[in-house]
Amino acid sequence: MKKWMFPLALIILLTACQSPKQEIHYIAKSEHWKAIYHSNGEVGLRLFYLGDDDDLGPLEITIEGTKESQNLSDVQLNKDGYYSFTKKESEKIFKRETKPMIHVEWQSEDETLEVKNH
């Protein structure tokens, strides 16, 4: 019985010493768009339209990370004026020490958001 106590105590000690997963916060803003990502949130990246136009039509969104990229076509904003990516989609790109770029095309306009880690 005693020979099991030391390994058990060692496992408990090592588990307690592990650092908690740090939160990652990214924010970007351009003239017409704002992007927010919080790793501890319920949803992934949220991309908000800041203009007054209610009907932007289909959007083309490209997100480029360090190793991953994602391209979406014919995206529509929800009734609250934003598009929400899933947490799983966002976690692939938004990692600590990355500086993703988000490029949005709508109607005859386009903008690029340079995302910063906060």
N, C-alpha and C. Protein backbone atom coordinates (compact mmCIF):
# COMPACT_ATOMS: atom_id res chain seq x y z
N MET A 1 0.83 -1.19 0.00
CA MET A 1 0.00 0.00 0.00
C MET A 1 0.88 1.26 0.00
N LYS A 2 1.99 1.22 0.77
CA LYS A 2 2.85 2.39 0.85
C LYS A 2 3.53 2.70 -0.47
N LYS A 3 3.82 1.65 -1.26
CA LYS A 3 4.50 1.90 -2.52
C LYS A 3 3.60 2.62 -3.52
N TRP A 4 2.28 2.63 -3.33
CA TRP A 4 1.36 3.36 -4.20
C TRP A 4 1.15 4.80 -3.75
N MET A 5 1.46 5.10 -2.52
CA MET A 5 1.24 6.45 -1.97
C MET A 5 2.16 7.48 -2.61
N PHE A 6 3.45 7.15 -2.80
CA PHE A 6 4.38 8.12 -3.36
C PHE A 6 4.02 8.49 -4.80
N PRO A 7 3.78 7.51 -5.70
CA PRO A 7 3.39 7.88 -7.07
C PRO A 7 2.07 8.66 -7.12
N LEU A 8 1.13 8.31 -6.28
CA LEU A 8 -0.14 9.02 -6.22
C LEU A 8 0.06 10.46 -5.77
N ALA A 9 0.87 10.65 -4.74
CA ALA A 9 1.17 11.99 -4.25
C ALA A 9 1.91 12.81 -5.31
N LEU A 10 2.80 12.18 -6.04
CA LEU A 10 3.55 12.86 -7.10
C LEU A 10 2.62 13.30 -8.23
N ILE A 11 1.69 12.48 -8.62
CA ILE A 11 0.72 12.83 -9.67
C ILE A 11 -0.15 14.00 -9.22
N ILE A 12 -0.61 13.97 -8.00
CA ILE A 12 -1.44 15.06 -7.48
C ILE A 12 -0.65 16.36 -7.44
N LEU A 13 0.60 16.29 -7.02
CA LEU A 13 1.46 17.47 -6.95
C LEU A 13 1.72 18.05 -8.34
N LEU A 14 2.02 17.19 -9.31
CA LEU A 14 2.28 17.67 -10.67
C LEU A 14 1.02 18.26 -11.31
N THR A 15 -0.11 17.69 -11.05
CA THR A 15 -1.37 18.21 -11.58
C THR A 15 -1.68 19.58 -10.99
N ALA A 16 -1.42 19.75 -9.72
CA ALA A 16 -1.68 21.03 -9.06
C ALA A 16 -0.74 22.12 -9.53
N CYS A 17 0.45 21.76 -9.97
CA CYS A 17 1.46 22.74 -10.39
C CYS A 17 1.28 23.21 -11.83
N GLN A 18 0.43 22.57 -12.60
CA GLN A 18 0.24 22.98 -13.98
C GLN A 18 -0.41 24.36 -14.03
N SER A 19 0.08 25.20 -14.92
CA SER A 19 -0.48 26.54 -15.03
C SER A 19 -1.81 26.47 -15.76
N PRO A 20 -2.77 27.29 -15.37
CA PRO A 20 -4.05 27.29 -16.05
C PRO A 20 -3.89 27.83 -17.47
N LYS A 21 -4.77 27.42 -18.36
CA LYS A 21 -4.72 27.88 -19.75
C LYS A 21 -4.99 29.39 -19.77
N GLN A 22 -4.07 30.14 -20.36
CA GLN A 22 -4.23 31.58 -20.40
C GLN A 22 -5.24 31.98 -21.45
N GLU A 23 -5.98 33.04 -21.14
CA GLU A 23 -6.97 33.55 -22.06
C GLU A 23 -6.29 34.34 -23.17
N ILE A 24 -6.88 34.31 -24.34
CA ILE A 24 -6.37 35.05 -25.48
C ILE A 24 -7.47 36.01 -25.94
N HIS A 25 -7.12 37.27 -26.11
CA HIS A 25 -8.08 38.29 -26.54
C HIS A 25 -7.53 38.98 -27.77
N TYR A 26 -8.31 39.00 -28.84
CA TYR A 26 -7.94 39.69 -30.06
C TYR A 26 -9.02 40.71 -30.41
N ILE A 27 -8.58 41.89 -30.84
CA ILE A 27 -9.51 42.93 -31.25
C ILE A 27 -8.95 43.61 -32.50
N ALA A 28 -9.81 43.93 -33.44
CA ALA A 28 -9.41 44.67 -34.64
C ALA A 28 -10.55 45.60 -35.03
N LYS A 29 -10.18 46.74 -35.62
CA LYS A 29 -11.20 47.69 -36.05
C LYS A 29 -10.72 48.41 -37.30
N SER A 30 -11.64 48.59 -38.24
CA SER A 30 -11.37 49.37 -39.43
C SER A 30 -12.51 50.39 -39.56
N GLU A 31 -12.60 51.03 -40.71
CA GLU A 31 -13.64 52.04 -40.89
C GLU A 31 -15.05 51.45 -40.79
N HIS A 32 -15.26 50.26 -41.35
CA HIS A 32 -16.60 49.66 -41.40
C HIS A 32 -16.77 48.40 -40.56
N TRP A 33 -15.68 47.84 -40.01
CA TRP A 33 -15.75 46.54 -39.35
C TRP A 33 -15.02 46.53 -38.02
N LYS A 34 -15.51 45.68 -37.12
CA LYS A 34 -14.83 45.43 -35.84
C LYS A 34 -14.86 43.92 -35.61
N ALA A 35 -13.72 43.37 -35.21
CA ALA A 35 -13.62 41.93 -34.94
C ALA A 35 -13.21 41.73 -33.49
N ILE A 36 -13.86 40.79 -32.82
CA ILE A 36 -13.54 40.48 -31.42
C ILE A 36 -13.47 38.98 -31.24
N TYR A 37 -12.41 38.53 -30.56
CA TYR A 37 -12.27 37.11 -30.22
C TYR A 37 -11.75 37.00 -28.79
N HIS A 38 -12.44 36.24 -27.97
CA HIS A 38 -12.01 35.92 -26.60
C HIS A 38 -11.99 34.41 -26.48
N SER A 39 -10.86 33.86 -26.11
CA SER A 39 -10.74 32.40 -26.04
C SER A 39 -11.64 31.78 -24.98
N ASN A 40 -12.03 32.57 -23.98
CA ASN A 40 -12.88 32.02 -22.92
C ASN A 40 -14.37 32.25 -23.20
N GLY A 41 -14.72 32.78 -24.36
CA GLY A 41 -16.12 33.05 -24.69
C GLY A 41 -16.86 31.82 -25.16
N GLU A 42 -18.16 31.95 -25.24
CA GLU A 42 -19.03 30.85 -25.70
C GLU A 42 -18.94 30.65 -27.21
N VAL A 43 -18.70 31.75 -27.94
CA VAL A 43 -18.61 31.69 -29.40
C VAL A 43 -17.19 32.03 -29.83
N GLY A 44 -16.94 31.87 -31.11
CA GLY A 44 -15.63 32.20 -31.63
C GLY A 44 -15.54 33.66 -32.02
N LEU A 45 -14.81 33.94 -33.07
CA LEU A 45 -14.64 35.29 -33.59
C LEU A 45 -15.98 35.86 -34.00
N ARG A 46 -16.22 37.11 -33.62
CA ARG A 46 -17.41 37.84 -34.06
C ARG A 46 -16.96 39.02 -34.90
N LEU A 47 -17.56 39.18 -36.05
CA LEU A 47 -17.22 40.24 -36.98
C LEU A 47 -18.44 41.15 -37.12
N PHE A 48 -18.32 42.40 -36.63
CA PHE A 48 -19.43 43.36 -36.58
C PHE A 48 -19.32 44.38 -37.71
N TYR A 49 -20.44 44.70 -38.33
CA TYR A 49 -20.49 45.78 -39.31
C TYR A 49 -20.82 47.07 -38.57
N LEU A 50 -20.04 48.14 -38.80
CA LEU A 50 -20.21 49.39 -38.08
C LEU A 50 -21.00 50.44 -38.86
N GLY A 51 -21.33 50.15 -40.11
CA GLY A 51 -22.05 51.12 -40.93
C GLY A 51 -23.55 51.08 -40.70
N ASP A 52 -24.26 51.89 -41.51
CA ASP A 52 -25.71 52.03 -41.37
C ASP A 52 -26.50 51.15 -42.33
N ASP A 53 -25.86 50.63 -43.36
CA ASP A 53 -26.55 49.84 -44.37
C ASP A 53 -27.08 48.54 -43.77
N ASP A 54 -28.38 48.31 -43.92
CA ASP A 54 -28.99 47.09 -43.37
C ASP A 54 -28.80 45.87 -44.27
N ASP A 55 -28.65 46.09 -45.57
CA ASP A 55 -28.52 44.97 -46.50
C ASP A 55 -27.19 45.07 -47.24
N LEU A 56 -26.19 44.35 -46.76
CA LEU A 56 -24.87 44.38 -47.38
C LEU A 56 -24.75 43.37 -48.51
N GLY A 57 -25.69 42.45 -48.57
CA GLY A 57 -25.59 41.37 -49.54
C GLY A 57 -24.59 40.34 -49.05
N PRO A 58 -24.20 39.42 -49.92
CA PRO A 58 -23.26 38.38 -49.50
C PRO A 58 -21.85 38.94 -49.29
N LEU A 59 -21.19 38.44 -48.27
CA LEU A 59 -19.83 38.86 -47.93
C LEU A 59 -18.84 37.78 -48.34
N GLU A 60 -17.63 38.20 -48.63
CA GLU A 60 -16.50 37.29 -48.82
C GLU A 60 -15.54 37.60 -47.67
N ILE A 61 -15.22 36.61 -46.86
CA ILE A 61 -14.34 36.82 -45.71
C ILE A 61 -13.16 35.86 -45.81
N THR A 62 -11.97 36.43 -45.67
CA THR A 62 -10.75 35.63 -45.65
C THR A 62 -10.00 35.95 -44.37
N ILE A 63 -9.64 34.92 -43.61
CA ILE A 63 -8.85 35.10 -42.40
C ILE A 63 -7.55 34.34 -42.59
N GLU A 64 -6.45 35.04 -42.43
CA GLU A 64 -5.14 34.43 -42.60
C GLU A 64 -4.40 34.46 -41.26
N GLY A 65 -4.07 33.28 -40.76
CA GLY A 65 -3.27 33.15 -39.55
C GLY A 65 -1.85 32.79 -39.92
N THR A 66 -1.04 32.43 -38.93
CA THR A 66 0.34 32.07 -39.19
C THR A 66 0.44 30.80 -40.02
N LYS A 67 -0.33 29.77 -39.64
CA LYS A 67 -0.27 28.49 -40.35
C LYS A 67 -1.60 28.10 -40.98
N GLU A 68 -2.67 28.69 -40.53
CA GLU A 68 -4.01 28.33 -41.00
C GLU A 68 -4.63 29.52 -41.71
N SER A 69 -5.52 29.23 -42.64
CA SER A 69 -6.31 30.29 -43.26
C SER A 69 -7.71 29.74 -43.53
N GLN A 70 -8.64 30.66 -43.69
CA GLN A 70 -10.02 30.25 -43.92
C GLN A 70 -10.64 31.25 -44.88
N ASN A 71 -11.39 30.75 -45.85
CA ASN A 71 -12.03 31.59 -46.84
C ASN A 71 -13.51 31.24 -46.88
N LEU A 72 -14.37 32.23 -46.65
CA LEU A 72 -15.81 32.01 -46.65
C LEU A 72 -16.46 32.85 -47.75
N SER A 73 -17.38 32.25 -48.49
CA SER A 73 -18.10 32.95 -49.55
C SER A 73 -19.58 33.00 -49.22
N ASP A 74 -20.25 34.01 -49.73
CA ASP A 74 -21.70 34.17 -49.57
C ASP A 74 -22.15 34.16 -48.11
N VAL A 75 -21.40 34.85 -47.26
CA VAL A 75 -21.73 34.94 -45.84
C VAL A 75 -22.72 36.09 -45.63
N GLN A 76 -23.69 35.87 -44.77
CA GLN A 76 -24.68 36.91 -44.43
C GLN A 76 -24.56 37.27 -42.96
N LEU A 77 -24.71 38.55 -42.64
CA LEU A 77 -24.74 38.98 -41.25
C LEU A 77 -26.07 38.57 -40.63
N ASN A 78 -26.08 38.37 -39.32
CA ASN A 78 -27.34 38.05 -38.65
C ASN A 78 -28.14 39.34 -38.44
N LYS A 79 -29.30 39.25 -37.85
CA LYS A 79 -30.18 40.42 -37.68
C LYS A 79 -29.58 41.48 -36.76
N ASP A 80 -28.59 41.10 -35.95
CA ASP A 80 -27.94 42.05 -35.06
C ASP A 80 -26.73 42.73 -35.71
N GLY A 81 -26.46 42.42 -36.97
CA GLY A 81 -25.40 43.09 -37.71
C GLY A 81 -24.01 42.51 -37.54
N TYR A 82 -23.91 41.22 -37.22
CA TYR A 82 -22.58 40.61 -37.14
C TYR A 82 -22.62 39.16 -37.61
N TYR A 83 -21.43 38.65 -37.90
CA TYR A 83 -21.26 37.25 -38.26
C TYR A 83 -20.42 36.60 -37.18
N SER A 84 -20.82 35.43 -36.75
CA SER A 84 -20.11 34.73 -35.68
C SER A 84 -19.53 33.42 -36.22
N PHE A 85 -18.24 33.26 -36.04
CA PHE A 85 -17.57 32.01 -36.39
C PHE A 85 -17.71 31.06 -35.22
N THR A 86 -17.63 29.76 -35.47
CA THR A 86 -17.70 28.81 -34.38
C THR A 86 -16.42 28.87 -33.56
N LYS A 87 -16.48 28.42 -32.35
CA LYS A 87 -15.31 28.41 -31.48
C LYS A 87 -14.22 27.52 -32.09
N LYS A 88 -14.62 26.40 -32.64
CA LYS A 88 -13.65 25.46 -33.23
C LYS A 88 -12.93 26.10 -34.43
N GLU A 89 -13.68 26.80 -35.30
CA GLU A 89 -13.07 27.48 -36.44
C GLU A 89 -12.06 28.53 -35.98
N SER A 90 -12.43 29.28 -34.97
CA SER A 90 -11.60 30.39 -34.48
C SER A 90 -10.34 29.90 -33.78
N GLU A 91 -10.45 28.84 -33.00
CA GLU A 91 -9.29 28.35 -32.24
C GLU A 91 -8.15 27.90 -33.14
N LYS A 92 -8.47 27.47 -34.37
CA LYS A 92 -7.43 27.04 -35.30
C LYS A 92 -6.52 28.20 -35.70
N ILE A 93 -7.09 29.39 -35.80
CA ILE A 93 -6.34 30.55 -36.29
C ILE A 93 -5.87 31.46 -35.16
N PHE A 94 -6.71 31.68 -34.17
CA PHE A 94 -6.40 32.64 -33.12
C PHE A 94 -5.69 31.96 -31.95
N LYS A 95 -4.38 31.87 -32.10
CA LYS A 95 -3.53 31.29 -31.06
C LYS A 95 -2.62 32.38 -30.54
N ARG A 96 -2.07 32.17 -29.38
CA ARG A 96 -1.15 33.14 -28.79
C ARG A 96 0.01 33.39 -29.75
N GLU A 97 0.42 34.63 -29.83
CA GLU A 97 1.56 35.07 -30.65
C GLU A 97 1.29 35.03 -32.15
N THR A 98 0.04 34.96 -32.58
CA THR A 98 -0.26 35.07 -34.00
C THR A 98 -0.83 36.46 -34.26
N LYS A 99 -0.70 36.92 -35.46
CA LYS A 99 -1.25 38.22 -35.86
C LYS A 99 -2.09 38.01 -37.11
N PRO A 100 -3.31 37.48 -36.94
CA PRO A 100 -4.16 37.20 -38.09
C PRO A 100 -4.59 38.48 -38.83
N MET A 101 -4.89 38.31 -40.09
CA MET A 101 -5.44 39.38 -40.92
C MET A 101 -6.83 38.93 -41.37
N ILE A 102 -7.79 39.85 -41.32
CA ILE A 102 -9.15 39.55 -41.76
C ILE A 102 -9.45 40.48 -42.94
N HIS A 103 -9.81 39.89 -44.06
CA HIS A 103 -10.14 40.68 -45.25
C HIS A 103 -11.62 40.45 -45.56
N VAL A 104 -12.38 41.55 -45.68
CA VAL A 104 -13.81 41.47 -45.93
C VAL A 104 -14.13 42.20 -47.24
N GLU A 105 -14.90 41.55 -48.10
CA GLU A 105 -15.39 42.17 -49.33
C GLU A 105 -16.90 42.14 -49.30
N TRP A 106 -17.52 43.29 -49.61
CA TRP A 106 -18.96 43.39 -49.67
C TRP A 106 -19.32 44.45 -50.71
N GLN A 107 -20.44 44.26 -51.35
CA GLN A 107 -20.89 45.14 -52.44
C GLN A 107 -19.68 45.46 -53.32
N SER A 108 -19.28 46.70 -53.44
CA SER A 108 -18.10 47.03 -54.26
C SER A 108 -16.95 47.52 -53.39
N GLU A 109 -16.98 47.17 -52.10
CA GLU A 109 -15.95 47.64 -51.17
C GLU A 109 -15.18 46.47 -50.57
N ASP A 110 -14.01 46.80 -50.01
CA ASP A 110 -13.25 45.80 -49.28
C ASP A 110 -12.37 46.50 -48.25
N GLU A 111 -12.11 45.81 -47.14
CA GLU A 111 -11.26 46.32 -46.07
C GLU A 111 -10.50 45.16 -45.46
N THR A 112 -9.32 45.48 -44.92
CA THR A 112 -8.51 44.50 -44.21
C THR A 112 -8.33 44.97 -42.79
N LEU A 113 -8.57 44.07 -41.85
CA LEU A 113 -8.40 44.37 -40.43
C LEU A 113 -7.14 43.69 -39.95
N GLU A 114 -6.28 44.43 -39.30
CA GLU A 114 -5.07 43.86 -38.70
C GLU A 114 -5.41 43.57 -37.25
N VAL A 115 -5.44 42.31 -36.90
CA VAL A 115 -5.87 41.88 -35.58
C VAL A 115 -4.71 41.97 -34.60
N LYS A 116 -4.98 42.50 -33.40
CA LYS A 116 -3.96 42.64 -32.37
C LYS A 116 -4.35 41.88 -31.13
N ASN A 117 -3.39 41.24 -30.51
CA ASN A 117 -3.59 40.50 -29.28
C ASN A 117 -3.59 41.48 -28.12
N HIS A 118 -4.64 41.44 -27.28
CA HIS A 118 -4.75 42.34 -26.11
C HIS A 118 -4.74 41.53 -24.84
